[in-house]
Amino acid sequence: MYKIKRTSHFTDMLELEDGENTLQIPVEIEIDKIVQRYRALEVELMRAQKALKEKGQTAQMLERIGQTVVDIFTLLFGEENTGKILSFYDGNHIEMLGDVYPYILQVIVPKLKAAALERKQQYKKIQRMR
């Protein structure tokens, strides 16, 4: 029997707490669909943060960073859940990023990297079979 295991789907549950207030966010990611877009947004966030350090804080720069953060969250958590998270943090993008980004970096990003590497190895194997 030839067995194929689907590997490009990630599910988890993220729980945010603020005293008595808790918010549970189901995380369901189709890794193959988002890996390239995530990387592009990650690069955009790094560029915006670098520009902020070099040019100083401006309303335009903060808006650029805030929108990139929202775009990353929307990609990973979906539009509805991103709205819930923003509401939980009362629209404070910086606090939201500081609290939730470690989860993204420590849990989601390794899954994205592993899936990308696995996909790359699969394509190499297919090329050798030809």
N, C-alpha and C. Protein backbone atom coordinates (compact mmCIF):
# COMPACT_ATOMS: atom_id res chain seq x y z
N MET A 1 0.84 -1.18 0.00
CA MET A 1 0.00 0.00 0.00
C MET A 1 0.88 1.24 0.00
N TYR A 2 0.52 2.18 -0.83
CA TYR A 2 1.23 3.46 -0.91
C TYR A 2 0.43 4.46 -0.10
N LYS A 3 1.04 5.03 0.92
CA LYS A 3 0.33 5.93 1.83
C LYS A 3 0.82 7.36 1.63
N ILE A 4 -0.12 8.28 1.53
CA ILE A 4 0.21 9.69 1.39
C ILE A 4 -0.39 10.43 2.58
N LYS A 5 0.45 11.21 3.23
CA LYS A 5 0.00 11.97 4.39
C LYS A 5 -0.01 13.45 4.03
N ARG A 6 -1.16 14.07 4.18
CA ARG A 6 -1.29 15.49 3.90
C ARG A 6 -0.61 16.27 5.02
N THR A 7 0.30 17.17 4.64
CA THR A 7 1.10 17.85 5.66
C THR A 7 0.96 19.36 5.66
N SER A 8 0.19 19.91 4.78
CA SER A 8 0.20 21.36 4.63
C SER A 8 -0.91 22.07 5.41
N HIS A 9 -1.46 21.41 6.43
CA HIS A 9 -2.53 22.02 7.21
C HIS A 9 -2.11 22.08 8.68
N PHE A 10 -2.27 23.23 9.29
CA PHE A 10 -1.89 23.43 10.69
C PHE A 10 -3.11 23.92 11.46
N THR A 11 -3.39 23.28 12.60
CA THR A 11 -4.47 23.73 13.47
C THR A 11 -3.96 23.87 14.88
N ASP A 12 -4.49 24.85 15.58
CA ASP A 12 -4.10 25.11 16.96
C ASP A 12 -5.20 25.98 17.59
N MET A 13 -5.06 26.24 18.87
CA MET A 13 -5.98 27.14 19.57
C MET A 13 -5.13 28.15 20.33
N LEU A 14 -5.37 29.42 20.10
CA LEU A 14 -4.66 30.50 20.78
C LEU A 14 -5.61 31.11 21.80
N GLU A 15 -5.16 31.22 23.04
CA GLU A 15 -5.99 31.82 24.08
C GLU A 15 -5.32 33.07 24.61
N LEU A 16 -6.05 34.17 24.59
CA LEU A 16 -5.57 35.45 25.10
C LEU A 16 -6.30 35.73 26.41
N GLU A 17 -5.57 36.20 27.42
CA GLU A 17 -6.16 36.49 28.73
C GLU A 17 -5.84 37.92 29.15
N ASP A 18 -6.82 38.52 29.79
CA ASP A 18 -6.65 39.85 30.37
C ASP A 18 -7.51 39.88 31.63
N GLY A 19 -6.95 39.41 32.71
CA GLY A 19 -7.72 39.29 33.95
C GLY A 19 -8.83 38.27 33.78
N GLU A 20 -10.05 38.69 33.94
CA GLU A 20 -11.20 37.80 33.79
C GLU A 20 -11.59 37.61 32.33
N ASN A 21 -11.13 38.48 31.48
CA ASN A 21 -11.48 38.46 30.06
C ASN A 21 -10.56 37.51 29.29
N THR A 22 -11.14 36.51 28.62
CA THR A 22 -10.34 35.60 27.79
C THR A 22 -10.94 35.54 26.40
N LEU A 23 -10.09 35.26 25.45
CA LEU A 23 -10.51 35.13 24.05
C LEU A 23 -9.79 33.92 23.47
N GLN A 24 -10.56 32.99 22.93
CA GLN A 24 -9.97 31.83 22.27
C GLN A 24 -10.09 32.01 20.76
N ILE A 25 -8.97 31.84 20.09
CA ILE A 25 -8.91 32.01 18.64
C ILE A 25 -8.49 30.67 18.03
N PRO A 26 -9.38 30.06 17.25
CA PRO A 26 -8.96 28.85 16.53
C PRO A 26 -8.02 29.24 15.39
N VAL A 27 -6.93 28.52 15.27
CA VAL A 27 -5.95 28.81 14.23
C VAL A 27 -5.98 27.65 13.24
N GLU A 28 -6.36 27.94 12.02
CA GLU A 28 -6.40 26.93 10.95
C GLU A 28 -5.72 27.53 9.73
N ILE A 29 -4.57 26.98 9.40
CA ILE A 29 -3.76 27.54 8.32
C ILE A 29 -3.46 26.48 7.28
N GLU A 30 -3.74 26.83 6.03
CA GLU A 30 -3.30 25.99 4.92
C GLU A 30 -1.95 26.54 4.48
N ILE A 31 -0.92 25.90 4.97
CA ILE A 31 0.44 26.41 4.87
C ILE A 31 0.86 26.69 3.43
N ASP A 32 0.61 25.76 2.53
CA ASP A 32 1.03 25.96 1.14
C ASP A 32 0.41 27.21 0.51
N LYS A 33 -0.77 27.58 0.97
CA LYS A 33 -1.45 28.74 0.40
C LYS A 33 -0.89 30.07 0.90
N ILE A 34 -0.29 30.07 2.08
CA ILE A 34 0.10 31.35 2.67
C ILE A 34 1.60 31.59 2.79
N VAL A 35 2.41 30.57 2.60
CA VAL A 35 3.83 30.69 2.92
C VAL A 35 4.50 31.84 2.16
N GLN A 36 4.24 32.01 0.88
CA GLN A 36 4.89 33.08 0.12
C GLN A 36 4.37 34.46 0.56
N ARG A 37 3.08 34.57 0.76
CA ARG A 37 2.49 35.85 1.19
C ARG A 37 3.00 36.21 2.59
N TYR A 38 3.12 35.23 3.47
CA TYR A 38 3.62 35.52 4.81
C TYR A 38 5.04 36.07 4.73
N ARG A 39 5.86 35.44 3.93
CA ARG A 39 7.26 35.89 3.81
C ARG A 39 7.33 37.33 3.30
N ALA A 40 6.50 37.66 2.32
CA ALA A 40 6.48 39.02 1.78
C ALA A 40 6.06 40.02 2.85
N LEU A 41 5.07 39.67 3.65
CA LEU A 41 4.62 40.56 4.72
C LEU A 41 5.67 40.69 5.83
N GLU A 42 6.36 39.60 6.11
CA GLU A 42 7.42 39.62 7.11
C GLU A 42 8.53 40.58 6.68
N VAL A 43 8.90 40.53 5.41
CA VAL A 43 9.92 41.43 4.87
C VAL A 43 9.43 42.88 4.93
N GLU A 44 8.18 43.10 4.58
CA GLU A 44 7.60 44.45 4.65
C GLU A 44 7.65 44.99 6.07
N LEU A 45 7.32 44.17 7.06
CA LEU A 45 7.36 44.60 8.45
C LEU A 45 8.79 44.96 8.86
N MET A 46 9.76 44.15 8.48
CA MET A 46 11.16 44.44 8.81
C MET A 46 11.61 45.75 8.17
N ARG A 47 11.22 45.98 6.91
CA ARG A 47 11.58 47.23 6.23
C ARG A 47 10.95 48.44 6.91
N ALA A 48 9.69 48.30 7.30
CA ALA A 48 8.99 49.40 7.97
C ALA A 48 9.63 49.70 9.32
N GLN A 49 10.00 48.65 10.06
CA GLN A 49 10.64 48.86 11.36
C GLN A 49 12.02 49.50 11.20
N LYS A 50 12.74 49.10 10.17
CA LYS A 50 14.06 49.71 9.89
C LYS A 50 13.90 51.18 9.52
N ALA A 51 12.91 51.48 8.68
CA ALA A 51 12.67 52.86 8.29
C ALA A 51 12.26 53.70 9.49
N LEU A 52 11.51 53.12 10.40
CA LEU A 52 11.10 53.83 11.61
C LEU A 52 12.32 54.21 12.45
N LYS A 53 13.27 53.29 12.57
CA LYS A 53 14.49 53.57 13.32
C LYS A 53 15.33 54.64 12.65
N GLU A 54 15.41 54.57 11.31
CA GLU A 54 16.26 55.49 10.56
C GLU A 54 15.66 56.89 10.44
N LYS A 55 14.36 56.96 10.18
CA LYS A 55 13.72 58.24 9.89
C LYS A 55 12.94 58.82 11.06
N GLY A 56 12.77 58.02 12.09
CA GLY A 56 12.01 58.49 13.24
C GLY A 56 10.52 58.22 13.08
N GLN A 57 9.83 58.42 14.16
CA GLN A 57 8.40 58.10 14.21
C GLN A 57 7.58 59.18 13.52
N THR A 58 6.82 58.75 12.53
CA THR A 58 5.87 59.64 11.88
C THR A 58 4.52 58.92 11.83
N ALA A 59 3.49 59.67 11.63
CA ALA A 59 2.15 59.07 11.54
C ALA A 59 2.10 58.08 10.38
N GLN A 60 2.72 58.45 9.27
CA GLN A 60 2.73 57.58 8.09
C GLN A 60 3.46 56.27 8.36
N MET A 61 4.58 56.36 9.07
CA MET A 61 5.37 55.17 9.38
C MET A 61 4.61 54.25 10.33
N LEU A 62 3.99 54.81 11.35
CA LEU A 62 3.21 54.01 12.29
C LEU A 62 2.01 53.37 11.60
N GLU A 63 1.41 54.08 10.68
CA GLU A 63 0.29 53.53 9.93
C GLU A 63 0.75 52.37 9.05
N ARG A 64 1.91 52.51 8.43
CA ARG A 64 2.47 51.44 7.59
C ARG A 64 2.73 50.18 8.42
N ILE A 65 3.33 50.35 9.58
CA ILE A 65 3.61 49.21 10.46
C ILE A 65 2.30 48.59 10.94
N GLY A 66 1.38 49.43 11.37
CA GLY A 66 0.09 48.93 11.85
C GLY A 66 -0.65 48.14 10.79
N GLN A 67 -0.66 48.63 9.55
CA GLN A 67 -1.35 47.93 8.47
C GLN A 67 -0.66 46.61 8.14
N THR A 68 0.65 46.59 8.18
CA THR A 68 1.38 45.35 7.90
C THR A 68 1.09 44.32 8.99
N VAL A 69 1.04 44.76 10.23
CA VAL A 69 0.71 43.85 11.33
C VAL A 69 -0.70 43.28 11.13
N VAL A 70 -1.65 44.14 10.79
CA VAL A 70 -3.02 43.67 10.55
C VAL A 70 -3.05 42.70 9.38
N ASP A 71 -2.28 42.98 8.33
CA ASP A 71 -2.22 42.08 7.17
C ASP A 71 -1.67 40.71 7.56
N ILE A 72 -0.64 40.68 8.39
CA ILE A 72 -0.06 39.41 8.86
C ILE A 72 -1.08 38.64 9.69
N PHE A 73 -1.71 39.33 10.61
CA PHE A 73 -2.71 38.68 11.45
C PHE A 73 -3.88 38.16 10.62
N THR A 74 -4.32 38.95 9.66
CA THR A 74 -5.43 38.53 8.80
C THR A 74 -5.05 37.29 8.00
N LEU A 75 -3.85 37.26 7.50
CA LEU A 75 -3.37 36.10 6.76
C LEU A 75 -3.37 34.85 7.64
N LEU A 76 -2.89 34.98 8.86
CA LEU A 76 -2.73 33.83 9.74
C LEU A 76 -4.00 33.44 10.50
N PHE A 77 -4.77 34.42 10.93
CA PHE A 77 -5.91 34.15 11.79
C PHE A 77 -7.26 34.37 11.12
N GLY A 78 -7.25 34.97 9.93
CA GLY A 78 -8.50 35.29 9.25
C GLY A 78 -8.99 36.67 9.64
N GLU A 79 -9.83 37.23 8.80
CA GLU A 79 -10.31 38.60 9.00
C GLU A 79 -11.16 38.72 10.28
N GLU A 80 -12.08 37.79 10.47
CA GLU A 80 -12.96 37.85 11.64
C GLU A 80 -12.16 37.74 12.94
N ASN A 81 -11.25 36.77 13.02
CA ASN A 81 -10.46 36.58 14.24
C ASN A 81 -9.50 37.74 14.48
N THR A 82 -8.98 38.32 13.41
CA THR A 82 -8.11 39.49 13.56
C THR A 82 -8.90 40.64 14.17
N GLY A 83 -10.14 40.80 13.73
CA GLY A 83 -11.01 41.83 14.32
C GLY A 83 -11.24 41.57 15.80
N LYS A 84 -11.44 40.32 16.17
CA LYS A 84 -11.63 39.97 17.58
C LYS A 84 -10.36 40.27 18.39
N ILE A 85 -9.21 39.94 17.82
CA ILE A 85 -7.95 40.19 18.52
C ILE A 85 -7.74 41.69 18.68
N LEU A 86 -7.96 42.46 17.62
CA LEU A 86 -7.82 43.92 17.69
C LEU A 86 -8.76 44.50 18.75
N SER A 87 -9.97 44.00 18.79
CA SER A 87 -10.93 44.45 19.78
C SER A 87 -10.46 44.11 21.20
N PHE A 88 -9.92 42.90 21.37
CA PHE A 88 -9.39 42.47 22.66
C PHE A 88 -8.31 43.43 23.14
N TYR A 89 -7.47 43.91 22.20
CA TYR A 89 -6.39 44.84 22.54
C TYR A 89 -6.79 46.31 22.37
N ASP A 90 -8.09 46.56 22.23
CA ASP A 90 -8.61 47.93 22.09
C ASP A 90 -7.91 48.69 20.97
N GLY A 91 -7.58 47.98 19.89
CA GLY A 91 -6.95 48.62 18.73
C GLY A 91 -5.48 48.95 18.90
N ASN A 92 -4.87 48.53 19.98
CA ASN A 92 -3.46 48.83 20.24
C ASN A 92 -2.58 47.82 19.50
N HIS A 93 -2.14 48.20 18.29
CA HIS A 93 -1.35 47.31 17.44
C HIS A 93 -0.03 46.92 18.07
N ILE A 94 0.61 47.86 18.75
CA ILE A 94 1.93 47.60 19.34
C ILE A 94 1.83 46.54 20.44
N GLU A 95 0.86 46.71 21.34
CA GLU A 95 0.68 45.73 22.41
C GLU A 95 0.28 44.37 21.83
N MET A 96 -0.62 44.39 20.86
CA MET A 96 -1.06 43.15 20.20
C MET A 96 0.14 42.43 19.57
N LEU A 97 0.95 43.17 18.86
CA LEU A 97 2.13 42.58 18.21
C LEU A 97 3.09 42.03 19.26
N GLY A 98 3.34 42.79 20.31
CA GLY A 98 4.26 42.35 21.35
C GLY A 98 3.81 41.08 22.04
N ASP A 99 2.51 40.94 22.24
CA ASP A 99 1.99 39.76 22.92
C ASP A 99 1.84 38.55 22.00
N VAL A 100 1.35 38.76 20.79
CA VAL A 100 1.00 37.64 19.91
C VAL A 100 2.13 37.24 18.97
N TYR A 101 3.02 38.17 18.64
CA TYR A 101 4.07 37.84 17.67
C TYR A 101 5.00 36.73 18.14
N PRO A 102 5.32 36.63 19.45
CA PRO A 102 6.12 35.48 19.88
C PRO A 102 5.45 34.14 19.53
N TYR A 103 4.14 34.07 19.66
CA TYR A 103 3.42 32.85 19.26
C TYR A 103 3.61 32.58 17.77
N ILE A 104 3.51 33.64 16.98
CA ILE A 104 3.70 33.49 15.54
C ILE A 104 5.11 32.99 15.25
N LEU A 105 6.11 33.62 15.88
CA LEU A 105 7.50 33.25 15.62
C LEU A 105 7.88 31.88 16.16
N GLN A 106 7.35 31.50 17.31
CA GLN A 106 7.75 30.25 17.95
C GLN A 106 6.92 29.06 17.54
N VAL A 107 5.69 29.28 17.11
CA VAL A 107 4.80 28.16 16.78
C VAL A 107 4.50 28.09 15.28
N ILE A 108 4.02 29.18 14.71
CA ILE A 108 3.58 29.15 13.31
C ILE A 108 4.74 29.17 12.33
N VAL A 109 5.70 30.07 12.52
CA VAL A 109 6.81 30.19 11.56
C VAL A 109 7.60 28.90 11.40
N PRO A 110 7.92 28.17 12.48
CA PRO A 110 8.61 26.89 12.28
C PRO A 110 7.80 25.91 11.42
N LYS A 111 6.49 25.93 11.57
CA LYS A 111 5.65 25.07 10.73
C LYS A 111 5.72 25.51 9.27
N LEU A 112 5.72 26.81 9.04
CA LEU A 112 5.83 27.33 7.67
C LEU A 112 7.17 26.95 7.05
N LYS A 113 8.23 27.11 7.82
CA LYS A 113 9.57 26.77 7.31
C LYS A 113 9.70 25.28 7.03
N ALA A 114 9.20 24.47 7.95
CA ALA A 114 9.28 23.01 7.76
C ALA A 114 8.48 22.58 6.53
N ALA A 115 7.31 23.15 6.35
CA ALA A 115 6.48 22.80 5.20
C ALA A 115 7.14 23.24 3.90
N ALA A 116 7.74 24.43 3.90
CA ALA A 116 8.42 24.91 2.69
C ALA A 116 9.61 24.02 2.34
N LEU A 117 10.36 23.62 3.35
CA LEU A 117 11.50 22.73 3.13
C LEU A 117 11.03 21.37 2.61
N GLU A 118 9.98 20.85 3.22
CA GLU A 118 9.45 19.56 2.77
C GLU A 118 8.97 19.63 1.33
N ARG A 119 8.28 20.70 0.99
CA ARG A 119 7.78 20.88 -0.38
C ARG A 119 8.96 20.95 -1.36
N LYS A 120 9.99 21.67 -0.98
CA LYS A 120 11.18 21.79 -1.82
C LYS A 120 11.81 20.42 -2.06
N GLN A 121 11.91 19.63 -0.99
CA GLN A 121 12.49 18.29 -1.11
C GLN A 121 11.63 17.40 -1.99
N GLN A 122 10.31 17.53 -1.88
CA GLN A 122 9.40 16.74 -2.71
C GLN A 122 9.60 17.08 -4.18
N TYR A 123 9.72 18.36 -4.49
CA TYR A 123 9.91 18.78 -5.89
C TYR A 123 11.26 18.29 -6.44
N LYS A 124 12.28 18.31 -5.60
CA LYS A 124 13.58 17.78 -6.03
C LYS A 124 13.48 16.28 -6.33
N LYS A 125 12.76 15.57 -5.47
CA LYS A 125 12.58 14.13 -5.66
C LYS A 125 11.83 13.86 -6.96
N ILE A 126 10.82 14.65 -7.24
CA ILE A 126 10.06 14.49 -8.49
C ILE A 126 10.96 14.74 -9.69
N GLN A 127 11.81 15.75 -9.61
CA GLN A 127 12.71 16.07 -10.71
C GLN A 127 13.70 14.91 -10.97
N ARG A 128 14.17 14.28 -9.90
CA ARG A 128 15.10 13.16 -10.06
C ARG A 128 14.41 11.95 -10.65
N MET A 129 13.12 11.80 -10.44
CA MET A 129 12.38 10.64 -10.93
C MET A 129 12.13 10.73 -12.43
N ARG A 130 12.22 11.88 -13.00
CA ARG A 130 11.92 12.07 -14.43
C ARG A 130 12.99 11.54 -15.31
